[in-house]
Amino acid sequence: MIDNPEQVERLVSKLRESLPLVATLTPEVAAIVREQTPAVERSQGYAITRVDYAGDEGGIVCKVELGPNNEDRALFASITHLRFDQSVPVGRDVAAYQKRRVKQLQLRM
């Protein structure tokens, strides 16, 4: 098992209560998205408007609103490919989840 079910349930609840949130894209995701939506900037904060759990294999996924500069497009991205402000309490919880999940995924390789 990759995720701790209780940790995920608590985090998803906290995230949903905190919506909308702001996150930036990792360089890898920004590069992929830029192929279809050139106005996407890695350093820009984008609104997170939905959070779901895609099971143990998919993890926590977020709906990222790319805004009017990007024809109001949106994408779903794994929370491990997003960066949240660490000064916000839920940001620290996200960072802990990301660290644990990435470590567990690496152990499975």
PDB file of N, CA and C in Angstrom:
ATOM      1  N   MET A   1       0.851  -1.180   0.000  1.00  0.00           N
ATOM      2  CA  MET A   1       0.000   0.000   0.000  1.00  0.00           C
ATOM      3  C   MET A   1       0.896   1.244   0.000  1.00  0.00           C
ATOM      4  N   ILE A   2       0.589   2.152  -0.907  1.00  0.00           N
ATOM      5  CA  ILE A   2       1.386   3.379  -1.041  1.00  0.00           C
ATOM      6  C   ILE A   2       0.945   4.424  -0.023  1.00  0.00           C
ATOM      7  N   ASP A   3      -0.359   4.666   0.073  1.00  0.00           N
ATOM      8  CA  ASP A   3      -0.886   5.712   0.942  1.00  0.00           C
ATOM      9  C   ASP A   3      -1.400   5.145   2.264  1.00  0.00           C
ATOM     10  N   ASN A   4      -1.347   5.989   3.289  1.00  0.00           N
ATOM     11  CA  ASN A   4      -1.965   5.684   4.566  1.00  0.00           C
ATOM     12  C   ASN A   4      -3.410   6.187   4.463  1.00  0.00           C
ATOM     13  N   PRO A   5      -4.402   5.291   4.445  1.00  0.00           N
ATOM     14  CA  PRO A   5      -5.796   5.709   4.221  1.00  0.00           C
ATOM     15  C   PRO A   5      -6.294   6.784   5.177  1.00  0.00           C
ATOM     16  N   GLU A   6      -5.929   6.700   6.454  1.00  0.00           N
ATOM     17  CA  GLU A   6      -6.391   7.709   7.415  1.00  0.00           C
ATOM     18  C   GLU A   6      -5.766   9.066   7.134  1.00  0.00           C
ATOM     19  N   GLN A   7      -4.468   9.074   6.787  1.00  0.00           N
ATOM     20  CA  GLN A   7      -3.792  10.327   6.461  1.00  0.00           C
ATOM     21  C   GLN A   7      -4.434  10.963   5.231  1.00  0.00           C
ATOM     22  N   VAL A   8      -4.719  10.146   4.231  1.00  0.00           N
ATOM     23  CA  VAL A   8      -5.325  10.665   2.999  1.00  0.00           C
ATOM     24  C   VAL A   8      -6.701  11.248   3.285  1.00  0.00           C
ATOM     25  N   GLU A   9      -7.507  10.535   4.048  1.00  0.00           N
ATOM     26  CA  GLU A   9      -8.857  11.009   4.359  1.00  0.00           C
ATOM     27  C   GLU A   9      -8.815  12.354   5.077  1.00  0.00           C
ATOM     28  N   ARG A  10      -7.919  12.472   6.057  1.00  0.00           N
ATOM     29  CA  ARG A  10      -7.791  13.746   6.791  1.00  0.00           C
ATOM     30  C   ARG A  10      -7.326  14.874   5.872  1.00  0.00           C
ATOM     31  N   LEU A  11      -6.325  14.571   5.041  1.00  0.00           N
ATOM     32  CA  LEU A  11      -5.784  15.604   4.160  1.00  0.00           C
ATOM     33  C   LEU A  11      -6.806  16.039   3.114  1.00  0.00           C
ATOM     34  N   VAL A  12      -7.495  15.097   2.505  1.00  0.00           N
ATOM     35  CA  VAL A  12      -8.503  15.453   1.499  1.00  0.00           C
ATOM     36  C   VAL A  12      -9.587  16.327   2.142  1.00  0.00           C
ATOM     37  N   SER A  13     -10.010  15.985   3.345  1.00  0.00           N
ATOM     38  CA  SER A  13     -11.010  16.809   4.042  1.00  0.00           C
ATOM     39  C   SER A  13     -10.492  18.216   4.283  1.00  0.00           C
ATOM     40  N   LYS A  14      -9.240  18.339   4.772  1.00  0.00           N
ATOM     41  CA  LYS A  14      -8.651  19.662   5.016  1.00  0.00           C
ATOM     42  C   LYS A  14      -8.548  20.459   3.722  1.00  0.00           C
ATOM     43  N   LEU A  15      -8.125  19.794   2.657  1.00  0.00           N
ATOM     44  CA  LEU A  15      -7.985  20.483   1.377  1.00  0.00           C
ATOM     45  C   LEU A  15      -9.338  20.979   0.883  1.00  0.00           C
ATOM     46  N   ARG A  16     -10.346  20.133   0.941  1.00  0.00           N
ATOM     47  CA  ARG A  16     -11.681  20.534   0.477  1.00  0.00           C
ATOM     48  C   ARG A  16     -12.226  21.707   1.290  1.00  0.00           C
ATOM     49  N   GLU A  17     -11.970  21.710   2.588  1.00  0.00           N
ATOM     50  CA  GLU A  17     -12.414  22.828   3.437  1.00  0.00           C
ATOM     51  C   GLU A  17     -11.677  24.121   3.109  1.00  0.00           C
ATOM     52  N   SER A  18     -10.485  24.005   2.548  1.00  0.00           N
ATOM     53  CA  SER A  18      -9.649  25.171   2.256  1.00  0.00           C
ATOM     54  C   SER A  18      -9.830  25.708   0.839  1.00  0.00           C
ATOM     55  N   LEU A  19     -10.625  25.042   0.019  1.00  0.00           N
ATOM     56  CA  LEU A  19     -10.792  25.471  -1.378  1.00  0.00           C
ATOM     57  C   LEU A  19     -11.444  26.834  -1.459  1.00  0.00           C
ATOM     58  N   PRO A  20     -11.099  27.641  -2.441  1.00  0.00           N
ATOM     59  CA  PRO A  20     -10.046  27.397  -3.427  1.00  0.00           C
ATOM     60  C   PRO A  20      -8.673  27.667  -2.808  1.00  0.00           C
ATOM     61  N   LEU A  21      -7.704  26.908  -3.253  1.00  0.00           N
ATOM     62  CA  LEU A  21      -6.313  27.056  -2.859  1.00  0.00           C
ATOM     63  C   LEU A  21      -5.514  27.552  -4.053  1.00  0.00           C
ATOM     64  N   VAL A  22      -4.302  27.955  -3.808  1.00  0.00           N
ATOM     65  CA  VAL A  22      -3.418  28.372  -4.894  1.00  0.00           C
ATOM     66  C   VAL A  22      -2.183  27.479  -4.869  1.00  0.00           C
ATOM     67  N   ALA A  23      -1.772  27.029  -6.058  1.00  0.00           N
ATOM     68  CA  ALA A  23      -0.573  26.198  -6.176  1.00  0.00           C
ATOM     69  C   ALA A  23       0.153  26.564  -7.467  1.00  0.00           C
ATOM     70  N   THR A  24       1.434  26.258  -7.488  1.00  0.00           N
ATOM     71  CA  THR A  24       2.207  26.401  -8.724  1.00  0.00           C
ATOM     72  C   THR A  24       2.471  25.007  -9.282  1.00  0.00           C
ATOM     73  N   LEU A  25       2.771  24.974 -10.569  1.00  0.00           N
ATOM     74  CA  LEU A  25       3.055  23.711 -11.242  1.00  0.00           C
ATOM     75  C   LEU A  25       4.541  23.391 -11.142  1.00  0.00           C
ATOM     76  N   THR A  26       4.878  22.114 -11.097  1.00  0.00           N
ATOM     77  CA  THR A  26       6.291  21.740 -11.164  1.00  0.00           C
ATOM     78  C   THR A  26       6.779  22.041 -12.582  1.00  0.00           C
ATOM     79  N   PRO A  27       8.069  22.200 -12.780  1.00  0.00           N
ATOM     80  CA  PRO A  27       8.588  22.480 -14.122  1.00  0.00           C
ATOM     81  C   PRO A  27       8.174  21.421 -15.146  1.00  0.00           C
ATOM     82  N   GLU A  28       8.131  20.166 -14.730  1.00  0.00           N
ATOM     83  CA  GLU A  28       7.771  19.085 -15.650  1.00  0.00           C
ATOM     84  C   GLU A  28       6.330  19.213 -16.138  1.00  0.00           C
ATOM     85  N   VAL A  29       5.416  19.480 -15.226  1.00  0.00           N
ATOM     86  CA  VAL A  29       4.003  19.630 -15.612  1.00  0.00           C
ATOM     87  C   VAL A  29       3.817  20.888 -16.451  1.00  0.00           C
ATOM     88  N   ALA A  30       4.455  21.981 -16.054  1.00  0.00           N
ATOM     89  CA  ALA A  30       4.329  23.228 -16.815  1.00  0.00           C
ATOM     90  C   ALA A  30       4.801  23.028 -18.254  1.00  0.00           C
ATOM     91  N   ALA A  31       5.890  22.304 -18.444  1.00  0.00           N
ATOM     92  CA  ALA A  31       6.415  22.065 -19.798  1.00  0.00           C
ATOM     93  C   ALA A  31       5.431  21.264 -20.636  1.00  0.00           C
ATOM     94  N   ILE A  32       4.814  20.265 -20.045  1.00  0.00           N
ATOM     95  CA  ILE A  32       3.843  19.440 -20.780  1.00  0.00           C
ATOM     96  C   ILE A  32       2.606  20.255 -21.128  1.00  0.00           C
ATOM     97  N   VAL A  33       2.100  21.017 -20.167  1.00  0.00           N
ATOM     98  CA  VAL A  33       0.887  21.814 -20.388  1.00  0.00           C
ATOM     99  C   VAL A  33       1.150  22.903 -21.418  1.00  0.00           C
ATOM    100  N   ARG A  34       2.353  23.487 -21.404  1.00  0.00           N
ATOM    101  CA  ARG A  34       2.699  24.559 -22.346  1.00  0.00           C
ATOM    102  C   ARG A  34       2.615  24.112 -23.803  1.00  0.00           C
ATOM    103  N   GLU A  35       2.737  22.826 -24.057  1.00  0.00           N
ATOM    104  CA  GLU A  35       2.630  22.335 -25.434  1.00  0.00           C
ATOM    105  C   GLU A  35       1.262  22.637 -26.031  1.00  0.00           C
ATOM    106  N   GLN A  36       0.216  22.634 -25.194  1.00  0.00           N
ATOM    107  CA  GLN A  36      -1.135  22.919 -25.682  1.00  0.00           C
ATOM    108  C   GLN A  36      -1.643  24.290 -25.237  1.00  0.00           C
ATOM    109  N   THR A  37      -1.077  24.803 -24.175  1.00  0.00           N
ATOM    110  CA  THR A  37      -1.526  26.074 -23.614  1.00  0.00           C
ATOM    111  C   THR A  37      -0.292  26.935 -23.338  1.00  0.00           C
ATOM    112  N   PRO A  38       0.204  27.657 -24.358  1.00  0.00           N
ATOM    113  CA  PRO A  38       1.474  28.378 -24.246  1.00  0.00           C
ATOM    114  C   PRO A  38       1.545  29.441 -23.141  1.00  0.00           C
ATOM    115  N   ALA A  39       0.418  29.965 -22.687  1.00  0.00           N
ATOM    116  CA  ALA A  39       0.443  31.031 -21.690  1.00  0.00           C
ATOM    117  C   ALA A  39       0.679  30.526 -20.268  1.00  0.00           C
ATOM    118  N   VAL A  40       0.787  29.233 -20.077  1.00  0.00           N
ATOM    119  CA  VAL A  40       1.009  28.689 -18.736  1.00  0.00           C
ATOM    120  C   VAL A  40       2.409  29.044 -18.256  1.00  0.00           C
ATOM    121  N   GLU A  41       2.478  29.564 -17.042  1.00  0.00           N
ATOM    122  CA  GLU A  41       3.750  29.935 -16.424  1.00  0.00           C
ATOM    123  C   GLU A  41       3.970  29.076 -15.193  1.00  0.00           C
ATOM    124  N   ARG A  42       5.147  28.529 -15.062  1.00  0.00           N
ATOM    125  CA  ARG A  42       5.453  27.662 -13.921  1.00  0.00           C
ATOM    126  C   ARG A  42       5.392  28.428 -12.598  1.00  0.00           C
ATOM    127  N   SER A  43       5.862  29.644 -12.593  1.00  0.00           N
ATOM    128  CA  SER A  43       5.935  30.399 -11.338  1.00  0.00           C
ATOM    129  C   SER A  43       4.605  31.039 -10.932  1.00  0.00           C
ATOM    130  N   GLN A  44       3.623  31.012 -11.814  1.00  0.00           N
ATOM    131  CA  GLN A  44       2.327  31.620 -11.511  1.00  0.00           C
ATOM    132  C   GLN A  44       1.499  30.699 -10.626  1.00  0.00           C
ATOM    133  N   GLY A  45       0.763  31.290  -9.703  1.00  0.00           N
ATOM    134  CA  GLY A  45      -0.154  30.518  -8.871  1.00  0.00           C
ATOM    135  C   GLY A  45      -1.465  30.297  -9.600  1.00  0.00           C
ATOM    136  N   TYR A  46      -1.973  29.073  -9.537  1.00  0.00           N
ATOM    137  CA  TYR A  46      -3.239  28.728 -10.184  1.00  0.00           C
ATOM    138  C   TYR A  46      -4.214  28.233  -9.131  1.00  0.00           C
ATOM    139  N   ALA A  47      -5.492  28.501  -9.353  1.00  0.00           N
ATOM    140  CA  ALA A  47      -6.524  28.112  -8.397  1.00  0.00           C
ATOM    141  C   ALA A  47      -6.782  26.609  -8.457  1.00  0.00           C
ATOM    142  N   ILE A  48      -6.810  26.000  -7.291  1.00  0.00           N
ATOM    143  CA  ILE A  48      -7.208  24.607  -7.139  1.00  0.00           C
ATOM    144  C   ILE A  48      -8.654  24.658  -6.670  1.00  0.00           C
ATOM    145  N   THR A  49      -9.570  24.086  -7.458  1.00  0.00           N
ATOM    146  CA  THR A  49     -10.992  24.207  -7.146  1.00  0.00           C
ATOM    147  C   THR A  49     -11.663  22.889  -6.800  1.00  0.00           C
ATOM    148  N   ARG A  50     -10.929  21.795  -6.936  1.00  0.00           N
ATOM    149  CA  ARG A  50     -11.504  20.490  -6.619  1.00  0.00           C
ATOM    150  C   ARG A  50     -10.380  19.536  -6.214  1.00  0.00           C
ATOM    151  N   VAL A  51     -10.685  18.667  -5.257  1.00  0.00           N
ATOM    152  CA  VAL A  51      -9.718  17.675  -4.794  1.00  0.00           C
ATOM    153  C   VAL A  51     -10.430  16.333  -4.704  1.00  0.00           C
ATOM    154  N   ASP A  52      -9.808  15.307  -5.266  1.00  0.00           N
ATOM    155  CA  ASP A  52     -10.362  13.955  -5.219  1.00  0.00           C
ATOM    156  C   ASP A  52      -9.248  12.969  -4.913  1.00  0.00           C
ATOM    157  N   TYR A  53      -9.650  11.787  -4.524  1.00  0.00           N
ATOM    158  CA  TYR A  53      -8.679  10.722  -4.286  1.00  0.00           C
ATOM    159  C   TYR A  53      -8.884   9.671  -5.361  1.00  0.00           C
ATOM    160  N   ALA A  54      -7.833   9.370  -6.100  1.00  0.00           N
ATOM    161  CA  ALA A  54      -7.900   8.430  -7.225  1.00  0.00           C
ATOM    162  C   ALA A  54      -7.405   7.044  -6.817  1.00  0.00           C
ATOM    163  N   GLY A  55      -7.560   6.717  -5.562  1.00  0.00           N
ATOM    164  CA  GLY A  55      -7.129   5.412  -5.085  1.00  0.00           C
ATOM    165  C   GLY A  55      -5.638   5.379  -4.790  1.00  0.00           C
ATOM    166  N   ASP A  56      -5.205   4.233  -4.300  1.00  0.00           N
ATOM    167  CA  ASP A  56      -3.816   4.094  -3.882  1.00  0.00           C
ATOM    168  C   ASP A  56      -2.837   4.339  -5.029  1.00  0.00           C
ATOM    169  N   GLU A  57      -3.179   3.895  -6.216  1.00  0.00           N
ATOM    170  CA  GLU A  57      -2.269   4.078  -7.350  1.00  0.00           C
ATOM    171  C   GLU A  57      -2.257   5.500  -7.873  1.00  0.00           C
ATOM    172  N   GLY A  58      -3.398   6.163  -7.864  1.00  0.00           N
ATOM    173  CA  GLY A  58      -3.482   7.520  -8.404  1.00  0.00           C
ATOM    174  C   GLY A  58      -3.182   8.611  -7.404  1.00  0.00           C
ATOM    175  N   GLY A  59      -3.438   8.358  -6.140  1.00  0.00           N
ATOM    176  CA  GLY A  59      -3.205   9.355  -5.108  1.00  0.00           C
ATOM    177  C   GLY A  59      -4.211  10.496  -5.147  1.00  0.00           C
ATOM    178  N   ILE A  60      -3.853  11.587  -4.519  1.00  0.00           N
ATOM    179  CA  ILE A  60      -4.712  12.770  -4.475  1.00  0.00           C
ATOM    180  C   ILE A  60      -4.515  13.558  -5.769  1.00  0.00           C
ATOM    181  N   VAL A  61      -5.620  13.911  -6.413  1.00  0.00           N
ATOM    182  CA  VAL A  61      -5.561  14.706  -7.634  1.00  0.00           C
ATOM    183  C   VAL A  61      -6.333  16.006  -7.429  1.00  0.00           C
ATOM    184  N   CYS A  62      -5.870  17.051  -8.097  1.00  0.00           N
ATOM    185  CA  CYS A  62      -6.453  18.376  -7.950  1.00  0.00           C
ATOM    186  C   CYS A  62      -6.854  18.931  -9.311  1.00  0.00           C
ATOM    187  N   LYS A  63      -7.972  19.636  -9.324  1.00  0.00           N
ATOM    188  CA  LYS A  63      -8.375  20.361 -10.533  1.00  0.00           C
ATOM    189  C   LYS A  63      -7.702  21.721 -10.480  1.00  0.00           C
ATOM    190  N   VAL A  64      -6.894  22.000 -11.492  1.00  0.00           N
ATOM    191  CA  VAL A  64      -6.128  23.244 -11.572  1.00  0.00           C
ATOM    192  C   VAL A  64      -6.765  24.115 -12.648  1.00  0.00           C
ATOM    193  N   GLU A  65      -7.277  25.258 -12.249  1.00  0.00           N
ATOM    194  CA  GLU A  65      -7.893  26.206 -13.180  1.00  0.00           C
ATOM    195  C   GLU A  65      -6.787  27.067 -13.783  1.00  0.00           C
ATOM    196  N   LEU A  66      -6.634  27.030 -15.088  1.00  0.00           N
ATOM    197  CA  LEU A  66      -5.550  27.761 -15.743  1.00  0.00           C
ATOM    198  C   LEU A  66      -5.904  29.208 -16.063  1.00  0.00           C
ATOM    199  N   GLY A  67      -7.165  29.585 -15.879  1.00  0.00           N
ATOM    200  CA  GLY A  67      -7.568  30.981 -15.967  1.00  0.00           C
ATOM    201  C   GLY A  67      -7.845  31.516 -17.356  1.00  0.00           C
ATOM    202  N   PRO A  68      -8.296  32.779 -17.411  1.00  0.00           N
ATOM    203  CA  PRO A  68      -8.711  33.398 -18.673  1.00  0.00           C
ATOM    204  C   PRO A  68      -7.575  33.553 -19.683  1.00  0.00           C
ATOM    205  N   ASN A  69      -6.343  33.687 -19.238  1.00  0.00           N
ATOM    206  CA  ASN A  69      -5.216  33.781 -20.175  1.00  0.00           C
ATOM    207  C   ASN A  69      -4.993  32.473 -20.923  1.00  0.00           C
ATOM    208  N   ASN A  70      -5.615  31.413 -20.443  1.00  0.00           N
ATOM    209  CA  ASN A  70      -5.469  30.090 -21.041  1.00  0.00           C
ATOM    210  C   ASN A  70      -6.828  29.527 -21.461  1.00  0.00           C
ATOM    211  N   GLU A  71      -7.664  30.414 -21.976  1.00  0.00           N
ATOM    212  CA  GLU A  71      -8.988  30.044 -22.483  1.00  0.00           C
ATOM    213  C   GLU A  71      -9.827  29.313 -21.435  1.00  0.00           C
ATOM    214  N   ASP A  72      -9.646  29.675 -20.188  1.00  0.00           N
ATOM    215  CA  ASP A  72     -10.357  29.070 -19.055  1.00  0.00           C
ATOM    216  C   ASP A  72     -10.236  27.549 -19.022  1.00  0.00           C
ATOM    217  N   ARG A  73      -9.137  27.036 -19.507  1.00  0.00           N
ATOM    218  CA  ARG A  73      -8.896  25.589 -19.455  1.00  0.00           C
ATOM    219  C   ARG A  73      -8.553  25.170 -18.021  1.00  0.00           C
ATOM    220  N   ALA A  74      -8.701  23.900 -17.789  1.00  0.00           N
ATOM    221  CA  ALA A  74      -8.338  23.326 -16.499  1.00  0.00           C
ATOM    222  C   ALA A  74      -7.661  21.986 -16.748  1.00  0.00           C
ATOM    223  N   LEU A  75      -6.957  21.514 -15.753  1.00  0.00           N
ATOM    224  CA  LEU A  75      -6.344  20.193 -15.850  1.00  0.00           C
ATOM    225  C   LEU A  75      -6.425  19.525 -14.492  1.00  0.00           C
ATOM    226  N   PHE A  76      -6.345  18.217 -14.509  1.00  0.00           N
ATOM    227  CA  PHE A  76      -6.249  17.462 -13.266  1.00  0.00           C
ATOM    228  C   PHE A  76      -4.808  17.013 -13.137  1.00  0.00           C
ATOM    229  N   ALA A  77      -4.221  17.284 -11.982  1.00  0.00           N
ATOM    230  CA  ALA A  77      -2.822  16.924 -11.748  1.00  0.00           C
ATOM    231  C   ALA A  77      -2.689  16.257 -10.390  1.00  0.00           C
ATOM    232  N   SER A  78      -1.776  15.325 -10.325  1.00  0.00           N
ATOM    233  CA  SER A  78      -1.455  14.711  -9.046  1.00  0.00           C
ATOM    234  C   SER A  78      -0.924  15.797  -8.115  1.00  0.00           C
ATOM    235  N   ILE A  79      -1.291  15.695  -6.869  1.00  0.00           N
ATOM    236  CA  ILE A  79      -0.839  16.684  -5.894  1.00  0.00           C
ATOM    237  C   ILE A  79       0.681  16.671  -5.757  1.00  0.00           C
ATOM    238  N   THR A  80       1.320  15.577  -6.142  1.00  0.00           N
ATOM    239  CA  THR A  80       2.785  15.523  -6.070  1.00  0.00           C
ATOM    240  C   THR A  80       3.438  16.373  -7.152  1.00  0.00           C
ATOM    241  N   HIS A  81       2.660  16.845  -8.126  1.00  0.00           N
ATOM    242  CA  HIS A  81       3.187  17.689  -9.193  1.00  0.00           C
ATOM    243  C   HIS A  81       2.790  19.151  -9.012  1.00  0.00           C
ATOM    244  N   LEU A  82       2.352  19.485  -7.809  1.00  0.00           N
ATOM    245  CA  LEU A  82       1.966  20.852  -7.485  1.00  0.00           C
ATOM    246  C   LEU A  82       2.749  21.308  -6.265  1.00  0.00           C
ATOM    247  N   ARG A  83       2.957  22.601  -6.151  1.00  0.00           N
ATOM    248  CA  ARG A  83       3.657  23.171  -5.002  1.00  0.00           C
ATOM    249  C   ARG A  83       2.734  24.171  -4.308  1.00  0.00           C
ATOM    250  N   PHE A  84       2.589  23.992  -3.003  1.00  0.00           N
ATOM    251  CA  PHE A  84       1.716  24.837  -2.197  1.00  0.00           C
ATOM    252  C   PHE A  84       2.554  25.685  -1.256  1.00  0.00           C
ATOM    253  N   ASP A  85       2.016  26.829  -0.884  1.00  0.00           N
ATOM    254  CA  ASP A  85       2.688  27.739   0.047  1.00  0.00           C
ATOM    255  C   ASP A  85       2.843  27.045   1.403  1.00  0.00           C
ATOM    256  N   GLN A  86       4.084  26.933   1.865  1.00  0.00           N
ATOM    257  CA  GLN A  86       4.367  26.256   3.125  1.00  0.00           C
ATOM    258  C   GLN A  86       3.940  27.074   4.351  1.00  0.00           C
ATOM    259  N   SER A  87       3.646  28.363   4.151  1.00  0.00           N
ATOM    260  CA  SER A  87       3.234  29.180   5.296  1.00  0.00           C
ATOM    261  C   SER A  87       1.769  28.943   5.658  1.00  0.00           C
ATOM    262  N   VAL A  88       1.030  28.296   4.776  1.00  0.00           N
ATOM    263  CA  VAL A  88      -0.367  27.951   5.043  1.00  0.00           C
ATOM    264  C   VAL A  88      -0.374  26.579   5.724  1.00  0.00           C
ATOM    265  N   PRO A  89      -1.130  26.406   6.821  1.00  0.00           N
ATOM    266  CA  PRO A  89      -1.101  25.121   7.532  1.00  0.00           C
ATOM    267  C   PRO A  89      -1.320  23.896   6.640  1.00  0.00           C
ATOM    268  N   VAL A  90      -2.255  23.958   5.731  1.00  0.00           N
ATOM    269  CA  VAL A  90      -2.497  22.802   4.865  1.00  0.00           C
ATOM    270  C   VAL A  90      -1.318  22.573   3.920  1.00  0.00           C
ATOM    271  N   GLY A  91      -0.541  23.602   3.653  1.00  0.00           N
ATOM    272  CA  GLY A  91       0.643  23.475   2.803  1.00  0.00           C
ATOM    273  C   GLY A  91       1.681  22.551   3.419  1.00  0.00           C
ATOM    274  N   ARG A  92       1.833  22.625   4.715  1.00  0.00           N
ATOM    275  CA  ARG A  92       2.775  21.735   5.407  1.00  0.00           C
ATOM    276  C   ARG A  92       2.268  20.297   5.385  1.00  0.00           C
ATOM    277  N   ASP A  93       0.961  20.124   5.523  1.00  0.00           N
ATOM    278  CA  ASP A  93       0.367  18.786   5.458  1.00  0.00           C
ATOM    279  C   ASP A  93       0.552  18.182   4.067  1.00  0.00           C
ATOM    280  N   VAL A  94       0.386  19.007   3.050  1.00  0.00           N
ATOM    281  CA  VAL A  94       0.577  18.546   1.671  1.00  0.00           C
ATOM    282  C   VAL A  94       2.022  18.129   1.459  1.00  0.00           C
ATOM    283  N   ALA A  95       2.958  18.939   1.933  1.00  0.00           N
ATOM    284  CA  ALA A  95       4.374  18.619   1.762  1.00  0.00           C
ATOM    285  C   ALA A  95       4.722  17.291   2.430  1.00  0.00           C
ATOM    286  N   ALA A  96       4.161  17.028   3.597  1.00  0.00           N
ATOM    287  CA  ALA A  96       4.417  15.758   4.294  1.00  0.00           C
ATOM    288  C   ALA A  96       3.848  14.590   3.489  1.00  0.00           C
ATOM    289  N   TYR A  97       2.639  14.764   2.955  1.00  0.00           N
ATOM    290  CA  TYR A  97       2.034  13.718   2.127  1.00  0.00           C
ATOM    291  C   TYR A  97       2.876  13.471   0.869  1.00  0.00           C
ATOM    292  N   GLN A  98       3.274  14.544   0.213  1.00  0.00           N
ATOM    293  CA  GLN A  98       4.072  14.418  -1.013  1.00  0.00           C
ATOM    294  C   GLN A  98       5.375  13.661  -0.739  1.00  0.00           C
ATOM    295  N   LYS A  99       6.046  14.032   0.328  1.00  0.00           N
ATOM    296  CA  LYS A  99       7.324  13.399   0.661  1.00  0.00           C
ATOM    297  C   LYS A  99       7.134  11.900   0.907  1.00  0.00           C
ATOM    298  N   ARG A 100       6.116  11.553   1.675  1.00  0.00           N
ATOM    299  CA  ARG A 100       5.860  10.147   1.986  1.00  0.00           C
ATOM    300  C   ARG A 100       5.469   9.380   0.728  1.00  0.00           C
ATOM    301  N   ARG A 101       4.598   9.966  -0.086  1.00  0.00           N
ATOM    302  CA  ARG A 101       4.121   9.271  -1.283  1.00  0.00           C
ATOM    303  C   ARG A 101       5.266   9.040  -2.275  1.00  0.00           C
ATOM    304  N   VAL A 102       6.065  10.055  -2.509  1.00  0.00           N
ATOM    305  CA  VAL A 102       7.185   9.915  -3.449  1.00  0.00           C
ATOM    306  C   VAL A 102       8.154   8.847  -2.954  1.00  0.00           C
ATOM    307  N   LYS A 103       8.410   8.843  -1.652  1.00  0.00           N
ATOM    308  CA  LYS A 103       9.303   7.830  -1.086  1.00  0.00           C
ATOM    309  C   LYS A 103       8.729   6.431  -1.293  1.00  0.00           C
ATOM    310  N   GLN A 104       7.440   6.261  -1.046  1.00  0.00           N
ATOM    311  CA  GLN A 104       6.802   4.954  -1.220  1.00  0.00           C
ATOM    312  C   GLN A 104       6.818   4.519  -2.682  1.00  0.00           C
ATOM    313  N   LEU A 105       6.607   5.466  -3.578  1.00  0.00           N
ATOM    314  CA  LEU A 105       6.656   5.126  -5.012  1.00  0.00           C
ATOM    315  C   LEU A 105       8.056   4.708  -5.430  1.00  0.00           C
ATOM    316  N   GLN A 106       9.058   5.379  -4.911  1.00  0.00           N
ATOM    317  CA  GLN A 106      10.442   5.033  -5.243  1.00  0.00           C
ATOM    318  C   GLN A 106      10.803   3.637  -4.731  1.00  0.00           C
ATOM    319  N   LEU A 107      10.279   3.264  -3.584  1.00  0.00           N
ATOM    320  CA  LEU A 107      10.548   1.949  -3.023  1.00  0.00           C
ATOM    321  C   LEU A 107       9.939   0.837  -3.884  1.00  0.00           C
ATOM    322  N   ARG A 108       8.880   1.173  -4.607  1.00  0.00           N
ATOM    323  CA  ARG A 108       8.202   0.173  -5.452  1.00  0.00           C
ATOM    324  C   ARG A 108       8.875  -0.020  -6.802  1.00  0.00           C
ATOM    325  N   MET A 109       9.795   0.852  -7.146  1.00  0.00           N
ATOM    326  CA  MET A 109      10.446   0.755  -8.458  1.00  0.00           C
ATOM    327  C   MET A 109      11.532  -0.280  -8.468  1.00  0.00           C
TER     328      MET A 109
END
